[in-house]
Structures are given as C-alpha cells and as structure tokens.
Amino acid sequence: MKNEEVKMMMHDTDVFDYSGVGFVLVGPGKTGTVWLSQCLREHSQIFVSGENNFLTHYKDLGWDYWGKNFMRRGKKDIVGDYANNYFFFDGIPEQLAVLNPQLKIIVCVRNPVERAVSFYKHDIRWNVLGKHMRLKFLVKEDLFYNRYIHGGCYSVHIQRFIDAFGPERIYLFSSPGEGDALAQRLADLFQFIGVDNQLVPSFDKRLNVTPSPLFPVMHRASFYAGNKRLKWLARKLDPLNCKWGEKKAHLQIKSEDIETIRSIYIANNEAENLRELVRKYHLNGPLYTEQWELT
C-alpha cells in the first residue's frame, strides 16, 4: 500500500500531529494487554491512553475525539497509545507509519490456543454466544475464525508491522511467567521504551479477569443497556449476579475443542513461523513458544 493511498484513508492526517506518541500497544486481545498497559501506566515517566481503537472504530468522530484520551497526560515524558485490535486489522501498520514512522510497536504474545479459548469463554460470559455453541464449530471461516484464530496468527501480523516500521522498532512481550522472570521482562521492555526500570504496583496482580455471571444478559446490560433505568438496575444487581455465578461450576471446554484449535495452528506451522521471524529479524523481547506444544 503506497503512502498516498494511506493518506487518502486517513482523511485529515496532514493536519494532525502524531509525532508526540512514542509507542503503540497494538494488542492483540486476550494476551495480557490490559495488565501490561496498566503496568506501563503506573510508571512515573509513561502516560498510556485507555483502550481507544481510534483508527479501526472511531475515526469518523475526528482527531479531537482521539485527543481526549490524552488530556490527563500531565508532565510524563513518554506517551503511549493503546489500541487492542490494531494488531490484525488490514492497513493499520501503514497508517501508523504515515502518522509517525518513529513509533515503537509493542505486541503481546500468548499461547494462541489459550488465547482462543479465553476469547470463547469471554463471549459466553458476555452473552455474545450461547453455552450450547461449541468452540470447534465456531472456528469456521464464515463464523468466528478471524476472532479466535486469525488474531493469534502472530507471525503473519508481526511481518506487516516489520514491513512498515522495520524490526528494530518491534517488541514482543510474552505473557507467561512470574516473579523474577516477569520482572526482568518488564525491565527489558522499559529499556526498549527508553525509561528507567521501576517496580510498578500492578506487577504481581491479575487484571481483567472475566467474571462468571449467573445471568450473562444482566451483566452485559450493566454496561451496554440503552435504557438508563435498566442499566442502573443491572449495575446494582451485577455484584450479586457475579457472586452467584462464582458458585456454579466454571465453563468447561471439551478436550476435542481444544485439539481442534491446536491442530489448526499446527497445520499453519505458527510456532515455527514465529520463531523463524524472531531469528531472521533479531526481534526485541524473549519468546517462549516451546511451552505452547504446537509441534
């Protein structure tokens, strides 16, 4: 995609200054991005926006809308943009490169099978899907393939960002681990961003843990109901709704569903493709694909 074509897509790019943004956490979802964004946000030198996905969902609202994400920056030196679905949308690497070719790109990497299962559980609990809908049937290309499978094809999407920015500006943050190993990975990421190493409060916390409401429709209404009274009532009842749900058995995923997901990634040779990408370009950040059992 040529720069002129990308600028046409960007509408008013020429009057917008994105040069003040130092890095973008591009996702993908269900790989620990909420936790990582919070850790970065707690650093004394870094400001990180809330998850905004401006280029993919809200561009028609104008750049003033995007700028509201950064009103509380204060005096922090480094500004980071956080957009959880930039990773796999077509045209996004090219658009970002036009906005600021000096951006640093942070990608979270997690076992793609675990990521797909996590997304499926999320959709069940938020009433996007009914519990009767099996994961192994939902990964067909005309259903939820892009959401559950395509987003986890890391090697394909990382290559697009390499083509747009060069490998030296890409950082892969692998989610497994805890204690000293995880602390070292955060320290390495801080060095990549260009800030001091600090111990941040959320380092040893679990964030964005999906609740298990007894009534998923009520839980969803507490966030998205159009009727204000209904939304208020749903929010009042939601703590009980989630508490009751915790007493139920957790959603169980059948082993054959997991094997279906694993077989897709094995057929795509995803683990080896990603390792080869790291070897070829000497990408920043340690990789732990050996734990994925995709060979």
Protein backbone atom coordinates (compact mmCIF):
# COMPACT_ATOMS: atom_id res chain seq x y z
CA MET A 1 0.00 0.00 0.00
CA LYS A 2 1.52 3.33 -1.11
CA ASN A 3 1.79 6.30 1.26
CA GLU A 4 -0.51 8.38 -0.95
CA GLU A 5 -3.23 5.73 -0.70
CA VAL A 6 -2.83 5.53 3.06
CA LYS A 7 -3.11 9.32 3.41
CA MET A 8 -6.37 9.19 1.45
CA MET A 9 -7.64 6.68 4.04
CA MET A 10 -6.55 8.92 6.89
CA HIS A 11 -8.69 11.90 5.78
CA ASP A 12 -7.19 14.78 7.81
CA THR A 13 -3.83 13.18 8.62
CA ASP A 14 -1.94 16.20 7.25
CA VAL A 15 -3.30 18.48 9.98
CA PHE A 16 -2.81 16.01 12.82
CA ASP A 17 0.43 15.74 14.76
CA TYR A 18 1.08 12.17 15.97
CA SER A 19 4.79 12.82 16.47
CA GLY A 20 4.37 13.15 20.24
CA VAL A 21 3.37 9.49 20.59
CA GLY A 22 6.33 7.29 21.47
CA PHE A 23 4.82 3.82 21.22
CA VAL A 24 1.61 1.92 20.46
CA LEU A 25 0.49 -1.20 22.32
CA VAL A 26 -1.30 -2.85 19.43
CA GLY A 27 -2.65 -5.98 21.12
CA PRO A 28 -3.98 -8.49 20.31
CA GLY A 29 -6.77 -9.06 22.82
CA LYS A 30 -6.62 -11.83 25.42
CA THR A 31 -2.82 -11.79 25.57
CA GLY A 32 -2.34 -9.70 28.72
CA THR A 33 -2.60 -6.24 27.19
CA VAL A 34 -4.82 -4.85 29.97
CA TRP A 35 -2.28 -5.92 32.59
CA LEU A 36 0.67 -4.63 30.57
CA SER A 37 -1.00 -1.29 29.77
CA GLN A 38 -1.67 -0.79 33.47
CA CYS A 39 1.94 -1.61 34.40
CA LEU A 40 3.16 0.90 31.82
CA ARG A 41 0.62 3.48 33.00
CA GLU A 42 1.91 3.19 36.57
CA HIS A 43 5.47 4.06 35.54
CA SER A 44 6.38 7.60 36.60
CA GLN A 45 7.66 8.53 33.13
CA ILE A 46 4.95 6.95 30.96
CA PHE A 47 1.41 8.00 30.07
CA VAL A 48 -0.76 5.40 28.34
CA SER A 49 -4.18 6.09 26.87
CA GLY A 50 -7.21 3.98 27.62
CA GLU A 51 -8.05 1.36 25.00
CA ASN A 52 -9.31 3.55 22.17
CA ASN A 53 -9.04 1.66 18.83
CA PHE A 54 -9.47 5.01 17.10
CA LEU A 55 -8.27 4.08 13.61
CA THR A 56 -10.45 0.97 13.43
CA HIS A 57 -13.68 2.14 15.09
CA TYR A 58 -13.86 5.86 15.83
CA LYS A 59 -12.01 7.69 13.06
CA ASP A 60 -15.23 9.28 11.80
CA LEU A 61 -15.53 11.12 15.14
CA GLY A 62 -12.40 13.12 14.32
CA TRP A 63 -9.00 13.57 15.87
CA ASP A 64 -10.37 15.79 18.64
CA TYR A 65 -12.16 12.71 19.95
CA TRP A 66 -8.87 10.77 19.86
CA GLY A 67 -7.07 13.59 21.68
CA LYS A 68 -9.42 13.31 24.68
CA ASN A 69 -7.61 10.07 25.58
CA PHE A 70 -4.53 12.13 26.43
CA MET A 71 -5.96 15.06 28.38
CA ARG A 72 -4.55 13.75 31.68
CA ARG A 73 -1.01 13.27 30.46
CA GLY A 74 0.43 15.78 32.91
CA LYS A 75 4.22 16.07 32.82
CA LYS A 76 5.05 12.49 31.88
CA ASP A 77 7.78 12.22 29.26
CA ILE A 78 6.64 9.25 27.16
CA VAL A 79 3.19 8.93 25.61
CA GLY A 80 1.80 5.55 24.62
CA ASP A 81 -1.31 4.82 22.57
CA TYR A 82 -3.24 1.64 23.43
CA ALA A 83 -5.41 0.03 20.77
CA ASN A 84 -6.15 -3.63 21.34
CA ASN A 85 -7.23 -4.55 17.82
CA TYR A 86 -4.68 -2.66 15.70
CA PHE A 87 -2.68 -5.88 15.51
CA PHE A 88 -4.77 -7.72 12.94
CA PHE A 89 -6.75 -5.05 11.04
CA ASP A 90 -5.64 -4.51 7.44
CA GLY A 91 -3.97 -1.18 6.69
CA ILE A 92 -3.22 -0.24 10.30
CA PRO A 93 0.59 -0.66 10.20
CA GLU A 94 0.76 1.51 7.09
CA GLN A 95 -1.49 4.19 8.59
CA LEU A 96 0.56 4.33 11.78
CA ALA A 97 3.79 4.56 9.78
CA VAL A 98 2.40 7.58 7.91
CA LEU A 99 1.35 9.21 11.17
CA ASN A 100 4.75 8.63 12.80
CA PRO A 101 7.45 6.40 11.25
CA GLN A 102 9.45 6.59 14.51
CA LEU A 103 6.81 4.78 16.59
CA LYS A 104 7.78 1.80 18.70
CA ILE A 105 5.33 -1.10 18.40
CA ILE A 106 4.60 -3.40 21.37
CA VAL A 107 2.93 -6.74 20.65
CA CYS A 108 1.77 -9.14 23.37
CA VAL A 109 2.26 -12.83 22.57
CA ARG A 110 0.46 -15.69 24.30
CA ASN A 111 -0.10 -19.36 23.50
CA PRO A 112 -2.62 -18.95 20.63
CA VAL A 113 -4.65 -21.97 21.76
CA GLU A 114 -5.09 -20.48 25.24
CA ARG A 115 -5.93 -17.13 23.66
CA ALA A 116 -8.70 -18.66 21.51
CA VAL A 117 -10.20 -20.50 24.48
CA SER A 118 -10.08 -17.32 26.58
CA PHE A 119 -11.90 -15.37 23.87
CA TYR A 120 -14.54 -18.09 23.63
CA LYS A 121 -15.12 -18.05 27.40
CA HIS A 122 -15.33 -14.26 27.29
CA ASP A 123 -18.02 -14.39 24.61
CA ILE A 124 -20.05 -16.99 26.52
CA ARG A 125 -19.96 -14.99 29.73
CA TRP A 126 -20.89 -11.76 27.95
CA ASN A 127 -23.80 -13.45 26.17
CA VAL A 128 -22.26 -12.98 22.74
CA LEU A 129 -22.71 -16.73 22.35
CA GLY A 130 -24.96 -19.32 23.90
CA LYS A 131 -23.38 -22.05 26.04
CA HIS A 132 -24.65 -24.65 23.60
CA MET A 133 -22.34 -23.34 20.84
CA ARG A 134 -19.20 -25.48 20.64
CA LEU A 135 -15.85 -23.86 20.01
CA LYS A 136 -14.76 -26.39 17.40
CA PHE A 137 -17.70 -25.37 15.17
CA LEU A 138 -17.24 -21.63 15.69
CA VAL A 139 -13.73 -21.51 14.19
CA LYS A 140 -15.01 -21.93 10.66
CA GLU A 141 -14.03 -19.09 8.32
CA ASP A 142 -17.60 -17.83 7.92
CA LEU A 143 -18.14 -17.67 11.69
CA PHE A 144 -15.58 -16.68 14.36
CA TYR A 145 -12.37 -17.67 12.59
CA ASN A 146 -10.97 -14.14 12.49
CA ARG A 147 -11.72 -13.52 16.16
CA TYR A 148 -10.46 -16.81 17.56
CA ILE A 149 -7.82 -17.96 15.05
CA HIS A 150 -6.65 -15.18 12.73
CA GLY A 151 -5.83 -12.81 15.62
CA GLY A 152 -3.49 -15.48 17.01
CA CYS A 153 -1.54 -15.91 13.77
CA TYR A 154 1.20 -13.74 15.20
CA SER A 155 3.82 -14.33 12.51
CA VAL A 156 1.52 -13.04 9.75
CA HIS A 157 0.63 -9.79 11.52
CA ILE A 158 4.06 -9.10 13.00
CA GLN A 159 5.51 -9.31 9.50
CA ARG A 160 3.18 -6.50 8.43
CA PHE A 161 4.49 -4.26 11.22
CA ILE A 162 8.07 -5.19 10.35
CA ASP A 163 7.43 -4.16 6.75
CA ALA A 164 6.02 -0.82 7.91
CA PHE A 165 8.49 0.07 10.68
CA GLY A 166 11.50 -2.22 10.48
CA PRO A 167 12.31 -4.97 13.01
CA GLU A 168 14.24 -2.75 15.43
CA ARG A 169 11.06 -0.88 16.37
CA ILE A 170 9.05 -4.01 17.26
CA TYR A 171 8.93 -5.55 20.76
CA LEU A 172 7.33 -8.92 21.58
CA PHE A 173 6.13 -9.24 25.16
CA SER A 174 5.44 -12.86 26.11
CA SER A 175 2.87 -13.26 28.86
CA PRO A 176 3.86 -16.50 30.69
CA GLY A 177 5.95 -16.32 33.84
CA GLU A 178 6.00 -14.68 37.22
CA GLY A 179 8.38 -13.43 39.89
CA ASP A 180 11.93 -12.58 38.83
CA ALA A 181 11.44 -13.74 35.24
CA LEU A 182 8.47 -11.44 34.73
CA ALA A 183 10.25 -8.57 36.47
CA GLN A 184 13.17 -8.98 34.09
CA ARG A 185 10.86 -8.88 31.07
CA LEU A 186 9.28 -5.64 32.30
CA ALA A 187 12.76 -4.18 32.88
CA ASP A 188 13.72 -5.16 29.33
CA LEU A 189 10.57 -3.52 27.95
CA PHE A 190 11.22 -0.32 29.93
CA GLN A 191 14.69 -0.20 28.41
CA PHE A 192 13.20 -0.63 24.92
CA ILE A 193 10.80 2.27 25.55
CA GLY A 194 13.64 4.38 26.93
CA VAL A 195 12.67 4.84 30.59
CA ASP A 196 14.13 3.86 33.96
CA ASN A 197 13.38 0.45 35.42
CA GLN A 198 10.77 0.72 38.20
CA LEU A 199 8.73 -1.69 40.28
CA VAL A 200 5.08 -0.88 39.47
CA PRO A 201 2.09 -1.72 41.76
CA SER A 202 0.27 -4.00 39.28
CA PHE A 203 3.35 -6.14 38.64
CA ASP A 204 2.06 -9.08 40.73
CA LYS A 205 -1.68 -8.59 40.21
CA ARG A 206 -4.19 -10.28 37.93
CA LEU A 207 -6.24 -7.78 35.95
CA ASN A 208 -9.20 -8.07 33.59
CA VAL A 209 -10.23 -11.45 34.97
CA THR A 210 -13.52 -12.24 33.26
CA PRO A 211 -16.39 -12.74 35.75
CA SER A 212 -18.80 -15.66 35.55
CA PRO A 213 -22.24 -14.06 35.98
CA LEU A 214 -25.19 -16.32 36.63
CA PHE A 215 -27.19 -14.27 34.12
CA PRO A 216 -24.88 -13.06 31.28
CA VAL A 217 -27.63 -10.88 29.79
CA MET A 218 -27.88 -8.90 33.03
CA HIS A 219 -24.10 -8.48 33.21
CA ARG A 220 -23.98 -7.19 29.64
CA ALA A 221 -26.89 -4.82 30.32
CA SER A 222 -24.95 -3.28 33.23
CA PHE A 223 -22.50 -1.91 30.65
CA TYR A 224 -24.41 -1.52 27.41
CA ALA A 225 -28.15 -1.19 28.08
CA GLY A 226 -29.62 1.76 26.18
CA ASN A 227 -32.32 2.37 28.79
CA LYS A 228 -30.76 4.31 31.71
CA ARG A 229 -33.08 2.81 34.34
CA LEU A 230 -32.41 -0.72 33.12
CA LYS A 231 -28.66 -0.06 33.10
CA TRP A 232 -28.80 1.37 36.64
CA LEU A 233 -30.76 -1.65 37.91
CA ALA A 234 -28.43 -4.11 36.17
CA ARG A 235 -25.40 -2.41 37.73
CA LYS A 236 -26.96 -2.58 41.18
CA LEU A 237 -27.64 -6.28 40.82
CA ASP A 238 -24.43 -7.21 38.97
CA PRO A 239 -22.26 -7.83 42.08
CA LEU A 240 -24.80 -10.42 43.27
CA ASN A 241 -25.13 -11.75 39.73
CA CYS A 242 -21.36 -12.38 39.56
CA LYS A 243 -21.22 -13.74 43.11
CA TRP A 244 -23.95 -16.27 42.37
CA GLY A 245 -22.17 -17.20 39.16
CA GLU A 246 -18.95 -17.98 41.01
CA LYS A 247 -20.74 -20.71 42.95
CA LYS A 248 -21.52 -22.53 39.72
CA ALA A 249 -19.06 -24.83 38.03
CA HIS A 250 -16.78 -22.91 35.69
CA LEU A 251 -17.37 -23.24 31.98
CA GLN A 252 -15.68 -26.43 30.86
CA ILE A 253 -14.13 -26.66 27.40
CA LYS A 254 -14.11 -30.14 25.90
CA SER A 255 -10.71 -31.56 25.04
CA GLU A 256 -11.74 -32.17 21.42
CA ASP A 257 -12.49 -28.44 21.04
CA ILE A 258 -9.00 -27.58 22.29
CA GLU A 259 -7.46 -30.18 19.99
CA THR A 260 -9.33 -28.65 17.05
CA ILE A 261 -7.74 -25.27 17.78
CA ARG A 262 -4.31 -26.81 18.33
CA SER A 263 -4.50 -28.74 15.06
CA ILE A 264 -5.23 -25.54 13.13
CA TYR A 265 -2.15 -23.79 14.50
CA ILE A 266 -0.01 -26.90 13.97
CA ALA A 267 -1.19 -27.09 10.36
CA ASN A 268 -0.35 -23.41 9.93
CA ASN A 269 3.08 -24.06 11.48
CA GLU A 270 2.55 -20.97 13.61
CA ALA A 271 5.10 -21.66 16.36
CA GLU A 272 7.95 -22.36 13.94
CA ASN A 273 6.99 -19.44 11.69
CA LEU A 274 7.14 -17.10 14.67
CA ARG A 275 10.47 -18.49 15.85
CA GLU A 276 11.87 -18.08 12.34
CA LEU A 277 10.66 -14.48 12.25
CA VAL A 278 12.43 -13.76 15.53
CA ARG A 279 15.63 -15.42 14.29
CA LYS A 280 15.56 -13.70 10.93
CA TYR A 281 14.99 -10.18 12.21
CA HIS A 282 16.50 -10.45 15.72
CA LEU A 283 13.29 -9.07 17.21
CA ASN A 284 13.29 -7.49 20.66
CA GLY A 285 11.82 -9.47 23.54
CA PRO A 286 12.22 -13.12 24.62
CA LEU A 287 9.96 -15.78 23.13
CA TYR A 288 8.64 -18.90 24.87
CA THR A 289 6.94 -20.90 22.10
CA GLU A 290 8.39 -24.18 23.43
CA GLN A 291 5.68 -24.11 26.11
CA TRP A 292 2.90 -23.97 23.53
CA GLU A 293 3.13 -27.63 22.50
CA LEU A 294 2.38 -26.85 18.85
CA THR A 295 4.79 -29.28 17.22
